[in-house]
Amino acid sequence: MKKEYQHTIKAPVTVSGVGLHTGKEVQMTFHPAQANHGYKFRRTDLPGEPVIEADADLVTDTARGTTLTKNNASVATVEHTLAALVGLGIDNVLIDLNGPETPIMDGSSREFIHALEATGLETQDAEREYIQINENITYKDSTRKTEMTVMPADDYQVTVMIDFDSRVLGKQHATLDHISDFGGQIANSRTFCFLHELEMLYENNLIKGGDLNNAIVIVDKEVSGEEMEKLKRMFNKDSVSVKKEGILNNLELHWSNEPARHKLLDVVGDLALAGKPIRGKIIATRPGHPSNVAFAKKLKAYHKMRRQQMVGPFYDPNAEPLLDINRISKMLPHRYPFLLVDKIIDMGENHIVGLKNVTFNEAFFQGHFPNNPVFPGVLQIEALAQTGGIFVLSKVDDPENYDTYFLKIDKVKFKRKVLPGDTLLLKMELLAPIRRGICEMKATAYVGNQIVTEGELTAQVVKRSSLA
């Protein structure tokens, strides 16, 4: 399968509207973001402008939409916004909001799609990482009669079936055969509700931003003249009636199965909370926000497990290394006992793989620990950093005249002990293009096929000043 690269937008773009439930006017601005940033919301109206990641583990409410909360800062009704980003193949964006809820617009993703398409997409110098489905995964909720299954596929496909036991809606299904069809086939499908839900929500002081222009209202019961008058007052309309199809006369349907298509839109938006684009076929029966989010968590956990089981870099001890210890010594200033890379076995445009043979003769094993020798985690990070340093120094003509300094170490996890006799494979991957000598890299250390250490390292390469 050919390489696919991440995308962001070329320039900021702003949309404005009211929140569905708060009724508050809100301005939402999409900003370009660096590779591997993902989707994040920033509440610009709150002190410190807190950032909330689009992460299934941060969902706190799924009653009438999907709400994310982090450190007491929330953003509600995120699903239509996220669906637009997924549908356009955008991987990285920072979304500024000056209110607690995204604007409802027309109740679909259409206006977000139009705004993002207008600003254009930019290809980034980082490969896309997918949640690659290699086996069937199923989620069931017997209370809601919901079932969601994903199975292996080469693309992202979604089929949704709904049944509300309604004489008006009946049973409907919708299918998205290719995610690139989202804009033309799904994005303009608007949210819907039943008349009795509308009345309940209004009486409970919700849907303050609701309007008969941003929702399909299903009427599956006889409606009295008094109720019609009440609806006219609720939404400040001169005339409200029920069409023969069983919907209010506020909107013309874009599709005969528009409700099912909107449910598919919600599935795409909520499953974005799994954190990576999906490569698999989703079949969802009677989905809703609670099941969508629960399934997103399941997919996120599956991806994490798969990454931990991923085959490490291939190492053939009989093959000639790209760089042996003599060439490494000419590039790096480190010497015994702090030169922690023995070979470079692979290097590409955005990655490098080094090797460290761990032996009991290492000096630090005398104290770390007596009778229980363990390779120190900080030295594993140092070995990874030295490998990354070789990658950066390979880009200059005179690497012996440069030094590499740490700026930041982040998200480090030690997953198992490294012991004498282990061969440590050190893989470093660019997270963003190198600029002004600053390099951000994803660091992963393997023993065999197991990840033993991972994290993100930022360093700066500085030319040495001449000694007076």
Protein backbone atom coordinates (compact mmCIF):
# COMPACT_ATOMS: atom_id res chain seq x y z
CA MET A 1 0.00 0.00 0.00
CA LYS A 2 1.45 3.38 -1.00
CA LYS A 3 2.44 5.93 1.62
CA GLU A 4 -0.18 8.48 2.64
CA TYR A 5 0.69 11.79 4.23
CA GLN A 6 -1.01 13.93 6.84
CA HIS A 7 -2.89 17.12 5.98
CA THR A 8 -3.77 20.39 7.64
CA ILE A 9 -5.45 23.52 6.25
CA LYS A 10 -3.56 26.26 4.42
CA ALA A 11 -4.90 29.21 6.40
CA PRO A 12 -7.28 30.00 9.29
CA VAL A 13 -10.99 30.10 8.52
CA THR A 14 -13.88 31.23 10.72
CA VAL A 15 -17.55 30.27 10.95
CA SER A 16 -20.16 31.82 13.24
CA GLY A 17 -23.55 30.76 14.56
CA VAL A 18 -25.44 29.82 17.70
CA GLY A 19 -25.05 26.77 19.92
CA LEU A 20 -27.96 24.34 19.65
CA HIS A 21 -28.61 24.02 23.37
CA THR A 22 -27.03 27.18 24.81
CA GLY A 23 -28.46 29.53 22.20
CA LYS A 24 -25.28 31.61 22.55
CA GLU A 25 -23.62 33.23 19.57
CA VAL A 26 -20.25 31.59 19.03
CA GLN A 27 -17.34 32.15 16.69
CA MET A 28 -15.29 29.12 15.69
CA THR A 29 -11.94 29.43 13.91
CA PHE A 30 -10.01 26.54 12.38
CA HIS A 31 -6.22 27.01 12.46
CA PRO A 32 -3.50 25.02 10.67
CA ALA A 33 -1.58 22.71 13.04
CA GLN A 34 1.69 20.83 12.83
CA ALA A 35 1.97 17.15 11.95
CA ASN A 36 0.72 14.67 14.60
CA HIS A 37 -1.18 17.45 16.38
CA GLY A 38 -4.58 15.85 15.79
CA TYR A 39 -7.84 17.66 16.52
CA LYS A 40 -7.91 20.03 19.49
CA PHE A 41 -10.39 22.65 20.71
CA ARG A 42 -9.26 25.84 22.48
CA ARG A 43 -11.69 27.86 24.63
CA THR A 44 -10.49 31.39 23.96
CA ASP A 45 -13.19 32.84 26.25
CA LEU A 46 -11.80 31.14 29.38
CA PRO A 47 -8.78 32.17 31.50
CA GLY A 48 -5.61 30.58 30.20
CA GLU A 49 -7.38 29.52 26.97
CA PRO A 50 -7.52 25.81 27.90
CA VAL A 51 -7.07 23.21 25.16
CA ILE A 52 -9.30 20.12 24.97
CA GLU A 53 -8.21 17.19 22.82
CA ALA A 54 -10.73 15.35 20.65
CA ASP A 55 -10.32 12.16 22.68
CA ALA A 56 -12.95 9.55 23.54
CA ASP A 57 -11.57 9.39 27.08
CA LEU A 58 -12.52 13.06 27.61
CA VAL A 59 -16.22 12.60 26.75
CA THR A 60 -18.43 13.56 29.68
CA ASP A 61 -21.91 13.75 28.15
CA THR A 62 -23.66 12.04 25.23
CA ALA A 63 -27.29 12.88 26.02
CA ARG A 64 -28.08 15.24 23.12
CA GLY A 65 -24.68 15.40 21.42
CA THR A 66 -21.08 14.72 22.34
CA THR A 67 -19.38 16.86 24.99
CA LEU A 68 -15.65 16.91 25.79
CA THR A 69 -14.32 18.12 29.15
CA LYS A 70 -10.80 18.63 30.46
CA ASN A 71 -9.89 20.42 33.69
CA ASN A 72 -13.39 21.90 34.02
CA ALA A 73 -13.35 23.32 30.48
CA SER A 74 -15.90 21.85 28.07
CA VAL A 75 -16.95 22.01 24.46
CA ALA A 76 -20.29 20.53 23.41
CA THR A 77 -21.82 19.17 20.20
CA VAL A 78 -18.47 18.43 18.55
CA GLU A 79 -19.61 15.60 16.29
CA HIS A 80 -20.64 17.62 13.20
CA THR A 81 -17.36 19.57 13.24
CA LEU A 82 -15.24 16.43 13.60
CA ALA A 83 -17.19 14.65 10.85
CA ALA A 84 -16.32 17.45 8.41
CA LEU A 85 -12.61 17.16 9.24
CA VAL A 86 -12.62 13.38 8.78
CA GLY A 87 -14.63 13.64 5.57
CA LEU A 88 -12.09 16.03 4.04
CA GLY A 89 -9.08 13.96 5.15
CA ILE A 90 -7.75 16.68 7.48
CA ASP A 91 -5.52 15.26 10.21
CA ASN A 92 -4.32 18.26 12.18
CA VAL A 93 -6.19 21.39 13.18
CA LEU A 94 -6.60 23.66 16.21
CA ILE A 95 -10.16 24.92 16.67
CA ASP A 96 -10.70 28.15 18.60
CA LEU A 97 -14.11 28.70 20.24
CA ASN A 98 -15.29 31.70 22.20
CA GLY A 99 -18.14 29.76 23.76
CA PRO A 100 -19.03 26.38 25.28
CA GLU A 101 -20.60 24.82 22.19
CA THR A 102 -19.88 24.59 18.48
CA PRO A 103 -22.37 26.45 16.25
CA ILE A 104 -25.23 24.27 15.02
CA MET A 105 -25.36 26.04 11.61
CA ASP A 106 -27.99 24.17 9.52
CA GLY A 107 -27.81 21.02 11.68
CA SER A 108 -25.31 19.24 9.40
CA SER A 109 -21.60 19.43 8.47
CA ARG A 110 -22.19 21.21 5.18
CA GLU A 111 -21.11 24.72 6.15
CA PHE A 112 -17.97 23.45 7.89
CA ILE A 113 -17.09 21.52 4.73
CA HIS A 114 -17.57 24.60 2.55
CA ALA A 115 -15.42 26.80 4.82
CA LEU A 116 -12.59 24.27 5.04
CA GLU A 117 -12.64 23.57 1.30
CA ALA A 118 -12.42 27.29 0.62
CA THR A 119 -9.19 27.67 2.60
CA GLY A 120 -7.65 24.56 1.02
CA LEU A 121 -5.54 21.67 2.33
CA GLU A 122 -1.79 21.40 2.76
CA THR A 123 0.16 18.13 2.62
CA GLN A 124 2.54 17.66 5.54
CA ASP A 125 5.88 15.91 5.76
CA ALA A 126 4.66 13.09 8.00
CA GLU A 127 3.03 9.79 7.18
CA ARG A 128 -0.54 9.03 8.23
CA GLU A 129 -0.96 6.42 10.94
CA TYR A 130 -4.20 4.45 10.66
CA ILE A 131 -6.24 2.37 13.02
CA GLN A 132 -5.79 -0.64 10.77
CA ILE A 133 -8.50 -3.21 11.43
CA ASN A 134 -7.19 -6.78 11.12
CA GLU A 135 -10.08 -8.64 12.78
CA ASN A 136 -13.78 -8.15 13.45
CA ILE A 137 -14.50 -6.00 16.52
CA THR A 138 -18.06 -5.75 17.88
CA TYR A 139 -19.81 -3.60 20.46
CA LYS A 140 -23.35 -4.32 21.71
CA ASP A 141 -25.75 -2.43 23.94
CA SER A 142 -28.75 -4.65 24.63
CA THR A 143 -30.65 -1.84 26.39
CA ARG A 144 -30.57 0.40 23.34
CA LYS A 145 -30.62 -2.54 20.90
CA THR A 146 -27.43 -1.16 19.38
CA GLU A 147 -24.75 -3.17 17.62
CA MET A 148 -21.61 -1.82 15.97
CA THR A 149 -19.07 -3.94 14.12
CA VAL A 150 -15.89 -3.06 12.24
CA MET A 151 -14.22 -5.51 9.90
CA PRO A 152 -11.04 -5.41 7.82
CA ALA A 153 -11.10 -3.25 4.70
CA ASP A 154 -8.64 -1.20 2.65
CA ASP A 155 -10.67 1.99 3.05
CA TYR A 156 -13.01 3.66 5.56
CA GLN A 157 -16.57 2.53 4.81
CA VAL A 158 -19.71 2.97 6.92
CA THR A 159 -23.19 1.48 6.77
CA VAL A 160 -25.89 2.59 9.23
CA MET A 161 -29.33 1.10 9.86
CA ILE A 162 -31.93 2.85 12.02
CA ASP A 163 -35.32 1.80 13.36
CA PHE A 164 -37.23 4.09 15.74
CA ASP A 165 -40.46 2.06 15.64
CA SER A 166 -41.94 5.08 13.86
CA ARG A 167 -44.63 4.86 11.19
CA VAL A 168 -43.13 7.96 9.58
CA LEU A 169 -39.46 7.01 9.49
CA GLY A 170 -39.84 3.26 9.19
CA LYS A 171 -36.55 1.42 8.82
CA GLN A 172 -33.80 3.27 6.99
CA HIS A 173 -30.22 2.60 6.05
CA ALA A 174 -27.41 4.66 4.56
CA THR A 175 -24.00 3.66 3.20
CA LEU A 176 -20.75 5.50 2.62
CA ASP A 177 -18.59 3.42 0.28
CA HIS A 178 -15.58 5.72 0.38
CA ILE A 179 -14.76 8.45 2.89
CA SER A 180 -13.98 10.82 0.01
CA ASP A 181 -17.72 10.70 -0.85
CA PHE A 182 -18.64 12.22 2.52
CA GLY A 183 -18.89 15.81 1.24
CA GLY A 184 -21.25 14.97 -1.59
CA GLN A 185 -23.30 12.17 -0.02
CA ILE A 186 -23.50 12.76 3.74
CA ALA A 187 -22.32 16.23 4.83
CA ASN A 188 -25.59 18.08 4.14
CA SER A 189 -27.76 15.60 6.08
CA ARG A 190 -29.37 17.49 8.95
CA THR A 191 -30.14 16.46 12.48
CA PHE A 192 -33.69 15.31 13.25
CA CYS A 193 -35.95 14.85 16.22
CA PHE A 194 -39.49 13.85 17.03
CA LEU A 195 -42.10 16.45 17.87
CA HIS A 196 -42.59 15.11 21.41
CA GLU A 197 -38.79 15.38 21.98
CA LEU A 198 -38.85 18.95 20.71
CA GLU A 199 -41.52 19.94 23.21
CA MET A 200 -39.71 18.20 26.07
CA LEU A 201 -36.37 19.82 25.24
CA TYR A 202 -37.95 23.25 24.98
CA GLU A 203 -39.77 22.88 28.30
CA ASN A 204 -36.48 21.83 29.95
CA ASN A 205 -34.81 25.04 28.79
CA LEU A 206 -32.69 23.25 26.16
CA ILE A 207 -32.39 23.86 22.39
CA LYS A 208 -32.23 27.60 23.04
CA GLY A 209 -30.47 27.86 19.71
CA GLY A 210 -32.91 25.50 18.07
CA ASP A 211 -34.74 26.72 15.03
CA LEU A 212 -37.01 25.08 12.53
CA ASN A 213 -34.30 25.85 9.97
CA ASN A 214 -31.72 23.50 11.52
CA ALA A 215 -33.62 20.32 12.30
CA ILE A 216 -36.01 17.91 10.59
CA VAL A 217 -39.01 17.49 12.89
CA ILE A 218 -40.77 14.12 12.67
CA VAL A 219 -44.47 14.08 13.54
CA ASP A 220 -45.77 10.55 14.14
CA LYS A 221 -48.92 11.42 16.10
CA GLU A 222 -52.01 13.54 15.67
CA VAL A 223 -51.28 17.19 16.44
CA SER A 224 -54.02 19.45 17.75
CA GLY A 225 -54.56 23.03 16.67
CA GLU A 226 -53.52 24.12 20.15
CA GLU A 227 -50.18 22.34 19.78
CA MET A 228 -49.64 23.98 16.40
CA GLU A 229 -50.24 27.39 17.93
CA LYS A 230 -47.74 26.56 20.66
CA LEU A 231 -45.12 25.61 18.03
CA LYS A 232 -45.71 28.88 16.20
CA ARG A 233 -45.03 30.78 19.42
CA MET A 234 -42.00 28.63 20.34
CA PHE A 235 -40.25 29.30 17.06
CA ASN A 236 -41.82 32.63 16.12
CA LYS A 237 -43.35 31.31 12.91
CA ASP A 238 -46.44 32.65 11.13
CA SER A 239 -47.45 29.20 9.98
CA VAL A 240 -46.62 25.62 10.99
CA SER A 241 -48.22 22.51 9.50
CA VAL A 242 -47.56 18.81 9.00
CA LYS A 243 -46.76 17.50 5.54
CA LYS A 244 -48.27 14.28 4.31
CA GLU A 245 -44.85 12.63 4.75
CA GLY A 246 -45.17 13.19 8.50
CA ILE A 247 -42.66 16.00 8.93
CA LEU A 248 -43.18 19.64 9.76
CA ASN A 249 -43.28 22.01 6.81
CA ASN A 250 -40.09 23.73 7.92
CA LEU A 251 -37.70 21.88 5.61
CA GLU A 252 -37.53 19.98 2.35
CA LEU A 253 -35.58 16.72 2.68
CA HIS A 254 -32.30 16.53 0.77
CA TRP A 255 -32.61 12.73 0.69
CA SER A 256 -35.48 10.36 1.35
CA ASN A 257 -33.23 8.66 3.93
CA GLU A 258 -31.75 11.88 5.33
CA PRO A 259 -32.21 10.78 8.99
CA ALA A 260 -30.16 7.62 8.37
CA ARG A 261 -27.52 9.67 6.58
CA HIS A 262 -27.34 12.04 9.52
CA LYS A 263 -26.85 9.12 11.89
CA LEU A 264 -23.98 8.03 9.65
CA LEU A 265 -22.57 11.57 9.88
CA ASP A 266 -22.70 11.31 13.69
CA VAL A 267 -20.90 7.94 13.59
CA VAL A 268 -18.07 9.42 11.51
CA GLY A 269 -17.78 12.43 13.83
CA ASP A 270 -17.86 10.47 17.08
CA LEU A 271 -15.43 7.80 15.88
CA ALA A 272 -12.91 10.57 15.17
CA LEU A 273 -12.47 10.50 18.96
CA ALA A 274 -10.56 7.21 18.56
CA GLY A 275 -7.63 9.48 17.67
CA LYS A 276 -6.57 8.21 14.24
CA PRO A 277 -8.19 7.72 10.82
CA ILE A 278 -9.79 4.31 10.48
CA ARG A 279 -9.12 1.73 7.82
CA GLY A 280 -12.04 -0.69 8.12
CA LYS A 281 -15.72 -1.21 7.34
CA ILE A 282 -18.21 -0.10 10.02
CA ILE A 283 -21.70 -1.57 10.22
CA ALA A 284 -23.88 0.15 12.83
CA THR A 285 -27.42 -0.81 13.83
CA ARG A 286 -29.41 1.79 15.81
CA PRO A 287 -26.32 3.85 16.71
CA GLY A 288 -26.35 6.87 18.99
CA HIS A 289 -23.78 9.07 20.69
CA PRO A 290 -23.35 6.76 23.75
CA SER A 291 -22.63 3.71 21.58
CA ASN A 292 -20.49 5.68 19.13
CA VAL A 293 -18.24 6.95 21.92
CA ALA A 294 -18.05 3.53 23.59
CA PHE A 295 -17.03 2.02 20.24
CA ALA A 296 -14.46 4.79 19.69
CA LYS A 297 -12.88 3.86 23.04
CA LYS A 298 -12.80 0.24 21.96
CA LEU A 299 -11.07 1.12 18.69
CA LYS A 300 -8.58 3.35 20.51
CA ALA A 301 -7.71 0.50 22.89
CA TYR A 302 -7.40 -1.93 19.96
CA HIS A 303 -5.00 0.41 18.17
CA LYS A 304 -2.90 0.84 21.30
CA MET A 305 -2.68 -2.92 21.74
CA ARG A 306 -1.74 -3.39 18.07
CA ARG A 307 1.00 -0.77 18.32
CA GLN A 308 2.45 -2.53 21.33
CA GLN A 309 2.49 -5.78 19.36
CA MET A 310 3.87 -4.21 16.21
CA VAL A 311 6.91 -5.83 14.73
CA GLY A 312 10.03 -3.85 15.56
CA PRO A 313 12.54 -2.72 12.94
CA PHE A 314 14.11 -5.60 11.05
CA TYR A 315 17.72 -6.32 12.02
CA ASP A 316 20.02 -8.66 10.12
CA PRO A 317 23.27 -9.00 12.12
CA ASN A 318 25.04 -10.25 8.99
CA ALA A 319 24.21 -7.12 6.97
CA GLU A 320 26.69 -4.28 6.62
CA PRO A 321 25.51 -1.32 8.78
CA LEU A 322 24.88 2.07 7.20
CA LEU A 323 27.19 3.58 9.82
CA ASP A 324 29.57 1.60 12.00
CA ILE A 325 31.02 2.73 15.34
CA ASN A 326 33.98 4.46 13.67
CA ARG A 327 31.77 6.66 11.50
CA ILE A 328 29.40 7.30 14.42
CA SER A 329 32.37 8.46 16.52
CA LYS A 330 33.25 11.01 13.86
CA MET A 331 29.71 12.44 13.91
CA LEU A 332 28.96 12.46 17.62
CA PRO A 333 31.12 14.10 20.30
CA HIS A 334 30.21 11.41 22.88
CA ARG A 335 32.87 9.00 24.13
CA TYR A 336 33.16 6.22 26.71
CA PRO A 337 31.19 5.72 28.87
CA PHE A 338 28.51 7.82 27.17
CA LEU A 339 28.49 6.76 23.53
CA LEU A 340 25.33 4.62 23.46
CA VAL A 341 24.86 3.81 19.75
CA ASP A 342 26.85 0.96 18.17
CA LYS A 343 25.40 0.93 14.62
CA ILE A 344 22.99 2.70 12.32
CA ILE A 345 21.11 0.03 10.37
CA ASP A 346 18.45 2.07 8.52
CA MET A 347 17.82 5.68 7.58
CA GLY A 348 15.16 7.27 5.39
CA GLU A 349 13.72 10.68 4.62
CA ASN A 350 11.89 10.89 7.95
CA HIS A 351 13.36 8.17 10.16
CA ILE A 352 16.48 6.45 11.43
CA VAL A 353 17.13 3.16 13.23
CA GLY A 354 20.14 2.64 15.49
CA LEU A 355 21.31 -0.28 17.58
CA LYS A 356 22.79 -0.66 21.05
CA ASN A 357 24.17 -3.98 22.26
CA VAL A 358 23.65 -4.15 26.01
CA THR A 359 26.36 -6.12 27.83
CA PHE A 360 27.12 -6.75 31.49
CA ASN A 361 30.42 -4.92 31.02
CA GLU A 362 28.62 -1.52 31.06
CA ALA A 363 30.05 0.51 33.94
CA PHE A 364 26.66 1.59 35.30
CA PHE A 365 25.59 -1.99 36.07
CA GLN A 366 27.87 -1.85 39.12
CA GLY A 367 25.34 0.41 40.80
CA HIS A 368 22.14 -0.09 38.78
CA PHE A 369 21.52 -2.40 40.49
CA PRO A 370 23.87 -4.78 42.38
CA ASN A 371 22.70 -8.38 41.76
CA ASN A 372 19.84 -7.03 39.59
CA PRO A 373 21.33 -5.34 36.50
CA VAL A 374 18.83 -3.10 34.68
CA PHE A 375 19.66 -0.71 31.83
CA PRO A 376 18.64 2.76 33.19
CA GLY A 377 15.64 4.33 31.51
CA VAL A 378 17.36 7.71 31.29
CA LEU A 379 20.18 6.11 29.32
CA GLN A 380 17.67 4.50 26.95
CA ILE A 381 16.35 8.00 26.27
CA GLU A 382 19.92 9.22 25.80
CA ALA A 383 20.59 6.38 23.31
CA LEU A 384 17.46 7.33 21.38
CA ALA A 385 18.50 10.99 21.42
CA GLN A 386 21.95 10.15 20.11
CA THR A 387 20.34 8.18 17.28
CA GLY A 388 18.15 11.18 16.47
CA GLY A 389 21.22 13.40 16.63
CA ILE A 390 22.94 11.29 13.98
CA PHE A 391 19.85 11.69 11.77
CA VAL A 392 19.95 15.50 12.05
CA LEU A 393 23.74 15.71 11.69
CA SER A 394 23.54 13.63 8.52
CA LYS A 395 21.81 16.66 6.95
CA VAL A 396 24.87 18.94 7.35
CA ASP A 397 28.23 18.86 5.57
CA ASP A 398 30.42 19.06 8.68
CA PRO A 399 28.62 17.15 11.49
CA GLU A 400 31.79 17.06 13.62
CA ASN A 401 31.37 20.82 14.19
CA TYR A 402 27.88 20.56 15.71
CA ASP A 403 26.42 19.52 19.06
CA THR A 404 22.88 18.42 19.92
CA TYR A 405 21.07 19.62 23.05
CA PHE A 406 17.76 18.50 24.59
CA LEU A 407 14.96 21.07 24.67
CA LYS A 408 12.10 18.83 25.77
CA ILE A 409 11.30 15.23 26.69
CA ASP A 410 7.59 14.40 26.65
CA LYS A 411 5.16 11.48 26.92
CA VAL A 412 7.87 9.00 27.92
CA LYS A 413 6.76 5.49 28.93
CA PHE A 414 8.93 2.57 30.02
CA LYS A 415 7.10 -0.66 29.21
CA ARG A 416 9.57 -3.39 30.26
CA LYS A 417 13.07 -3.81 31.65
CA VAL A 418 16.12 -3.88 29.40
CA LEU A 419 18.73 -6.35 30.62
CA PRO A 420 22.28 -7.42 29.78
CA GLY A 421 22.25 -9.51 26.62
CA ASP A 422 19.42 -7.49 25.00
CA THR A 423 19.85 -5.86 21.61
CA LEU A 424 18.15 -2.47 21.77
CA LEU A 425 16.75 -1.18 18.45
CA LEU A 426 16.39 2.60 18.51
CA LYS A 427 13.87 4.11 16.08
CA MET A 428 13.42 7.85 15.68
CA GLU A 429 10.75 9.38 13.42
CA LEU A 430 10.25 13.04 12.53
CA LEU A 431 7.10 14.61 13.95
CA ALA A 432 7.60 17.87 12.03
CA PRO A 433 10.08 19.26 9.50
CA ILE A 434 13.41 20.38 10.98
CA ARG A 435 13.41 24.17 11.28
CA ARG A 436 16.19 26.43 12.56
CA GLY A 437 18.02 23.39 13.86
CA ILE A 438 15.10 22.31 16.05
CA CYS A 439 14.05 18.70 15.64
CA GLU A 440 10.94 17.00 17.09
CA MET A 441 10.96 13.20 16.87
CA LYS A 442 8.89 10.23 17.98
CA ALA A 443 11.20 7.87 19.87
CA THR A 444 10.60 4.12 20.13
CA ALA A 445 12.99 1.52 21.52
CA TYR A 446 12.45 -2.18 20.86
CA VAL A 447 13.88 -5.43 22.11
CA GLY A 448 12.88 -7.98 19.50
CA ASN A 449 9.29 -7.17 18.53
CA GLN A 450 8.37 -5.58 21.85
CA ILE A 451 8.31 -1.86 22.52
CA VAL A 452 10.30 -1.22 25.68
CA THR A 453 10.40 2.59 25.71
CA GLU A 454 8.61 5.35 23.82
CA GLY A 455 8.27 9.12 23.98
CA GLU A 456 8.68 12.39 22.11
CA LEU A 457 12.02 14.22 22.09
CA THR A 458 12.82 17.77 21.00
CA ALA A 459 16.42 18.85 20.51
CA GLN A 460 18.37 21.69 18.93
CA VAL A 461 21.50 21.27 16.83
CA VAL A 462 23.98 24.09 17.43
CA LYS A 463 27.24 24.80 15.66
CA ARG A 464 30.17 24.86 18.05
CA SER A 465 31.81 28.20 18.61
CA SER A 466 35.55 28.31 17.98
CA LEU A 467 37.77 28.15 21.06
CA ALA A 468 39.83 31.28 21.55
